[in-house]
């Protein structure tokens, strides 16, 4: 099973007004990343950024989507998270599918 990735953006950020922004909007932008300890998502997101030639400014690295979304809601930066993370209740976060984001493979055990 594959799950699309989404850009998580503060609601008042200019990117929030775009329906399907390219990953290029992250170039030079403050970015909240997955820490290397969250290996699968870290590698997936970093690979997508590298493939797009995008170099955001990493302001924080965390292991859990909800922690990442808390910082996005506070306006500290943008992030890429699995689209299912939109089920978390953050009033100040807008989710946008990117024209160039890849998908996360879900693992079942």
N, C-alpha and C. Protein backbone atom coordinates (compact mmCIF):
# COMPACT_ATOMS: atom_id res chain seq x y z
N UNK A 1 0.84 -1.17 0.00
CA UNK A 1 0.00 0.00 0.00
C UNK A 1 0.89 1.24 0.00
N UNK A 2 0.51 2.25 -0.74
CA UNK A 2 1.26 3.49 -0.79
C UNK A 2 0.36 4.64 -0.34
N UNK A 3 0.97 5.54 0.39
CA UNK A 3 0.25 6.71 0.88
C UNK A 3 0.95 7.96 0.35
N UNK A 4 0.20 8.88 -0.24
CA UNK A 4 0.84 10.11 -0.74
C UNK A 4 1.40 10.96 0.39
N UNK A 5 2.41 11.70 0.08
CA UNK A 5 2.97 12.67 1.01
C UNK A 5 2.32 14.02 0.75
N UNK A 6 2.32 14.85 1.77
CA UNK A 6 1.71 16.17 1.64
C UNK A 6 2.62 17.22 2.26
N UNK A 7 2.54 18.43 1.73
CA UNK A 7 3.21 19.56 2.37
C UNK A 7 2.30 20.03 3.50
N UNK A 8 2.88 20.24 4.66
CA UNK A 8 2.16 20.82 5.80
C UNK A 8 2.64 22.26 5.92
N UNK A 9 1.70 23.18 5.86
CA UNK A 9 2.03 24.61 5.76
C UNK A 9 1.19 25.40 6.77
N UNK A 10 1.79 26.38 7.45
CA UNK A 10 0.95 27.25 8.30
C UNK A 10 -0.14 27.90 7.44
N UNK A 11 -1.33 28.01 7.98
CA UNK A 11 -2.48 28.51 7.22
C UNK A 11 -2.27 29.90 6.64
N UNK A 12 -1.45 30.72 7.30
CA UNK A 12 -1.24 32.09 6.81
C UNK A 12 -0.02 32.22 5.90
N UNK A 13 0.60 31.12 5.54
CA UNK A 13 1.78 31.14 4.67
C UNK A 13 1.32 31.24 3.21
N UNK A 14 2.05 31.97 2.35
CA UNK A 14 1.64 32.11 0.94
C UNK A 14 1.48 30.77 0.21
N UNK A 15 2.23 29.76 0.57
CA UNK A 15 2.11 28.45 -0.10
C UNK A 15 0.74 27.83 0.17
N UNK A 16 0.11 28.18 1.29
CA UNK A 16 -1.21 27.63 1.63
C UNK A 16 -2.26 27.98 0.58
N UNK A 17 -2.06 29.07 -0.14
CA UNK A 17 -3.01 29.50 -1.17
C UNK A 17 -2.87 28.72 -2.47
N UNK A 18 -1.79 27.96 -2.60
CA UNK A 18 -1.56 27.21 -3.84
C UNK A 18 -2.16 25.82 -3.72
N UNK A 19 -2.82 25.37 -4.78
CA UNK A 19 -3.50 24.07 -4.73
C UNK A 19 -2.52 22.90 -4.73
N UNK A 20 -1.56 22.88 -5.64
CA UNK A 20 -0.57 21.80 -5.72
C UNK A 20 0.81 22.41 -5.98
N UNK A 21 1.41 22.94 -4.93
CA UNK A 21 2.72 23.59 -5.11
C UNK A 21 3.82 22.56 -5.40
N UNK A 22 4.80 22.95 -6.19
CA UNK A 22 5.95 22.07 -6.41
C UNK A 22 6.86 22.07 -5.18
N UNK A 23 7.68 21.05 -5.05
CA UNK A 23 8.62 21.01 -3.93
C UNK A 23 9.59 22.19 -3.97
N UNK A 24 9.74 22.81 -5.11
CA UNK A 24 10.64 23.95 -5.25
C UNK A 24 10.28 25.08 -4.28
N UNK A 25 9.03 25.15 -3.81
CA UNK A 25 8.65 26.21 -2.86
C UNK A 25 9.40 26.05 -1.54
N UNK A 26 9.97 24.87 -1.30
CA UNK A 26 10.72 24.64 -0.06
C UNK A 26 12.16 25.11 -0.15
N UNK A 27 12.65 25.41 -1.34
CA UNK A 27 14.04 25.81 -1.50
C UNK A 27 14.33 27.08 -0.70
N UNK A 28 15.22 26.97 0.28
CA UNK A 28 15.59 28.10 1.12
C UNK A 28 14.58 28.42 2.22
N UNK A 29 13.48 27.67 2.28
CA UNK A 29 12.44 27.92 3.28
C UNK A 29 12.76 27.20 4.60
N UNK A 30 12.30 27.74 5.72
CA UNK A 30 12.46 27.02 7.00
C UNK A 30 11.68 25.70 6.91
N UNK A 31 12.34 24.61 7.30
CA UNK A 31 11.78 23.27 7.11
C UNK A 31 11.93 22.45 8.38
N UNK A 32 10.86 21.79 8.76
CA UNK A 32 10.87 20.89 9.91
C UNK A 32 10.92 19.48 9.36
N UNK A 33 12.02 18.81 9.61
CA UNK A 33 12.31 17.53 8.96
C UNK A 33 12.13 16.36 9.91
N UNK A 34 12.03 15.18 9.32
CA UNK A 34 12.10 13.96 10.13
C UNK A 34 13.54 13.73 10.53
N UNK A 35 13.76 13.35 11.77
CA UNK A 35 15.09 13.03 12.27
C UNK A 35 15.55 11.70 11.67
N UNK A 36 16.86 11.49 11.59
CA UNK A 36 17.37 10.21 11.08
C UNK A 36 16.83 8.99 11.84
N UNK A 37 16.45 9.16 13.09
CA UNK A 37 15.88 8.05 13.87
C UNK A 37 14.55 7.56 13.29
N UNK A 38 13.84 8.42 12.59
CA UNK A 38 12.61 8.04 11.89
C UNK A 38 13.03 7.64 10.47
N UNK A 39 13.83 6.61 10.41
CA UNK A 39 14.59 6.27 9.21
C UNK A 39 13.79 6.25 7.91
N UNK A 40 12.68 5.53 7.87
CA UNK A 40 11.94 5.40 6.61
C UNK A 40 11.47 6.77 6.09
N UNK A 41 10.78 7.53 6.94
CA UNK A 41 10.26 8.82 6.48
C UNK A 41 11.39 9.82 6.25
N UNK A 42 12.41 9.78 7.08
CA UNK A 42 13.57 10.65 6.88
C UNK A 42 14.18 10.40 5.49
N UNK A 43 14.45 9.14 5.19
CA UNK A 43 15.07 8.80 3.91
C UNK A 43 14.17 9.14 2.73
N UNK A 44 12.88 8.89 2.88
CA UNK A 44 11.92 9.18 1.81
C UNK A 44 11.85 10.68 1.52
N UNK A 45 11.71 11.48 2.58
CA UNK A 45 11.59 12.93 2.40
C UNK A 45 12.90 13.52 1.88
N UNK A 46 14.01 13.11 2.49
CA UNK A 46 15.31 13.64 2.03
C UNK A 46 15.58 13.25 0.59
N UNK A 47 15.19 12.03 0.21
CA UNK A 47 15.35 11.59 -1.18
C UNK A 47 14.52 12.41 -2.14
N UNK A 48 13.28 12.72 -1.74
CA UNK A 48 12.40 13.54 -2.59
C UNK A 48 12.96 14.95 -2.75
N UNK A 49 13.48 15.51 -1.66
CA UNK A 49 14.08 16.85 -1.75
C UNK A 49 15.31 16.84 -2.66
N UNK A 50 16.15 15.83 -2.49
CA UNK A 50 17.36 15.74 -3.32
C UNK A 50 16.99 15.56 -4.79
N UNK A 51 16.01 14.70 -5.08
CA UNK A 51 15.61 14.45 -6.46
C UNK A 51 15.05 15.71 -7.12
N UNK A 52 14.41 16.56 -6.32
CA UNK A 52 13.85 17.81 -6.84
C UNK A 52 14.89 18.93 -6.85
N UNK A 53 16.08 18.68 -6.31
CA UNK A 53 17.11 19.71 -6.26
C UNK A 53 16.77 20.83 -5.30
N UNK A 54 16.07 20.49 -4.24
CA UNK A 54 15.57 21.48 -3.28
C UNK A 54 16.41 21.42 -2.01
N UNK A 55 16.78 22.59 -1.50
CA UNK A 55 17.58 22.67 -0.27
C UNK A 55 16.91 23.60 0.73
N UNK A 56 15.96 23.08 1.52
CA UNK A 56 15.35 23.92 2.54
C UNK A 56 16.32 24.13 3.70
N UNK A 57 16.00 25.08 4.55
CA UNK A 57 16.78 25.34 5.76
C UNK A 57 16.14 24.56 6.90
N UNK A 58 16.81 23.51 7.35
CA UNK A 58 16.25 22.66 8.41
C UNK A 58 16.38 23.37 9.76
N UNK A 59 15.22 23.70 10.33
CA UNK A 59 15.22 24.41 11.61
C UNK A 59 15.02 23.47 12.79
N UNK A 60 14.53 22.26 12.52
CA UNK A 60 14.31 21.27 13.56
C UNK A 60 14.15 19.90 12.92
N UNK A 61 14.56 18.86 13.64
CA UNK A 61 14.36 17.48 13.19
C UNK A 61 13.69 16.71 14.31
N UNK A 62 12.57 16.07 13.99
CA UNK A 62 11.78 15.34 14.98
C UNK A 62 11.41 13.97 14.43
N UNK A 63 10.97 13.08 15.31
CA UNK A 63 10.67 11.72 14.88
C UNK A 63 9.18 11.45 14.64
N UNK A 64 8.30 12.30 15.12
CA UNK A 64 6.86 12.03 15.01
C UNK A 64 6.13 13.14 14.26
N UNK A 65 5.19 12.73 13.42
CA UNK A 65 4.43 13.69 12.62
C UNK A 65 3.69 14.70 13.48
N UNK A 66 3.12 14.27 14.61
CA UNK A 66 2.37 15.22 15.43
C UNK A 66 3.28 16.30 16.01
N UNK A 67 4.49 15.93 16.39
CA UNK A 67 5.44 16.93 16.88
C UNK A 67 5.82 17.89 15.76
N UNK A 68 6.04 17.35 14.58
CA UNK A 68 6.37 18.19 13.41
C UNK A 68 5.22 19.15 13.14
N UNK A 69 3.99 18.64 13.15
CA UNK A 69 2.82 19.49 12.87
C UNK A 69 2.61 20.55 13.94
N UNK A 70 3.00 20.27 15.17
CA UNK A 70 2.91 21.30 16.22
C UNK A 70 3.79 22.49 15.88
N UNK A 71 4.98 22.23 15.37
CA UNK A 71 5.88 23.33 15.00
C UNK A 71 5.39 24.05 13.75
N UNK A 72 4.82 23.30 12.81
CA UNK A 72 4.22 23.95 11.63
C UNK A 72 3.09 24.87 12.08
N UNK A 73 2.23 24.38 12.98
CA UNK A 73 1.11 25.19 13.47
C UNK A 73 1.59 26.46 14.17
N UNK A 74 2.75 26.38 14.81
CA UNK A 74 3.31 27.55 15.49
C UNK A 74 3.99 28.50 14.51
N UNK A 75 4.04 28.13 13.24
CA UNK A 75 4.62 29.01 12.22
C UNK A 75 6.13 28.94 12.11
N UNK A 76 6.74 27.87 12.63
CA UNK A 76 8.20 27.77 12.61
C UNK A 76 8.76 27.25 11.30
N UNK A 77 7.91 26.72 10.43
CA UNK A 77 8.40 26.22 9.15
C UNK A 77 7.37 25.36 8.46
N UNK A 78 7.80 24.79 7.32
CA UNK A 78 6.97 23.90 6.54
C UNK A 78 7.50 22.49 6.71
N UNK A 79 6.72 21.50 6.31
CA UNK A 79 7.15 20.11 6.46
C UNK A 79 6.52 19.26 5.37
N UNK A 80 7.06 18.06 5.21
CA UNK A 80 6.46 17.04 4.37
C UNK A 80 6.11 15.88 5.30
N UNK A 81 4.84 15.47 5.26
CA UNK A 81 4.36 14.39 6.13
C UNK A 81 3.47 13.46 5.31
N UNK A 82 3.25 12.23 5.79
CA UNK A 82 2.26 11.37 5.12
C UNK A 82 0.90 12.06 5.14
N UNK A 83 0.16 11.95 4.05
CA UNK A 83 -1.10 12.69 3.96
C UNK A 83 -2.10 12.30 5.04
N UNK A 84 -1.98 11.11 5.59
CA UNK A 84 -2.88 10.70 6.66
C UNK A 84 -2.72 11.56 7.91
N UNK A 85 -1.60 12.25 8.04
CA UNK A 85 -1.38 13.12 9.19
C UNK A 85 -2.40 14.25 9.24
N UNK A 86 -3.09 14.50 8.15
CA UNK A 86 -4.11 15.56 8.15
C UNK A 86 -5.26 15.24 9.10
N UNK A 87 -5.35 13.97 9.53
CA UNK A 87 -6.38 13.59 10.50
C UNK A 87 -6.11 14.15 11.89
N UNK A 88 -4.88 14.58 12.13
CA UNK A 88 -4.57 15.24 13.40
C UNK A 88 -5.26 16.60 13.40
N UNK A 89 -5.68 17.04 14.54
CA UNK A 89 -6.45 18.29 14.63
C UNK A 89 -5.53 19.47 14.91
N UNK A 90 -5.09 20.11 13.86
CA UNK A 90 -4.29 21.32 13.97
C UNK A 90 -4.99 22.39 13.15
N UNK A 91 -5.59 23.37 13.82
CA UNK A 91 -6.38 24.38 13.14
C UNK A 91 -5.56 25.28 12.22
N UNK A 92 -4.30 25.47 12.53
CA UNK A 92 -3.49 26.43 11.78
C UNK A 92 -2.61 25.77 10.72
N UNK A 93 -2.90 24.51 10.35
CA UNK A 93 -2.08 23.80 9.37
C UNK A 93 -2.93 23.44 8.16
N UNK A 94 -2.39 23.76 6.98
CA UNK A 94 -3.03 23.42 5.71
C UNK A 94 -2.18 22.34 5.05
N UNK A 95 -2.82 21.34 4.46
CA UNK A 95 -2.10 20.27 3.78
C UNK A 95 -2.30 20.41 2.27
N UNK A 96 -1.21 20.33 1.54
CA UNK A 96 -1.25 20.44 0.09
C UNK A 96 -0.45 19.30 -0.52
N UNK A 97 -1.03 18.64 -1.51
CA UNK A 97 -0.26 17.66 -2.27
C UNK A 97 0.66 18.42 -3.19
N UNK A 98 1.87 17.97 -3.26
CA UNK A 98 2.84 18.61 -4.13
C UNK A 98 2.79 17.98 -5.51
N UNK A 99 3.13 18.76 -6.51
CA UNK A 99 3.19 18.20 -7.86
C UNK A 99 4.37 17.25 -8.01
N UNK A 100 5.31 17.28 -7.06
CA UNK A 100 6.51 16.46 -7.18
C UNK A 100 6.78 15.56 -5.98
N UNK A 101 5.86 15.50 -5.02
CA UNK A 101 6.09 14.64 -3.85
C UNK A 101 5.83 13.19 -4.22
N UNK A 102 6.54 12.32 -3.58
CA UNK A 102 6.42 10.89 -3.80
C UNK A 102 5.45 10.29 -2.79
N UNK A 103 5.41 8.99 -2.70
CA UNK A 103 4.51 8.31 -1.78
C UNK A 103 5.29 7.53 -0.75
N UNK A 104 4.69 7.40 0.40
CA UNK A 104 5.28 6.59 1.47
C UNK A 104 4.70 5.18 1.39
N UNK A 105 5.54 4.21 1.53
CA UNK A 105 5.06 2.82 1.55
C UNK A 105 4.68 2.48 2.99
N UNK A 106 3.46 2.03 3.17
CA UNK A 106 3.01 1.62 4.50
C UNK A 106 3.47 0.20 4.76
N UNK A 107 3.87 -0.06 5.97
CA UNK A 107 4.31 -1.39 6.35
C UNK A 107 3.27 -2.01 7.28
N UNK A 108 2.90 -3.23 7.01
CA UNK A 108 2.01 -3.94 7.90
C UNK A 108 2.73 -5.16 8.42
N UNK A 109 2.54 -5.46 9.69
CA UNK A 109 3.21 -6.61 10.31
C UNK A 109 2.20 -7.51 10.94
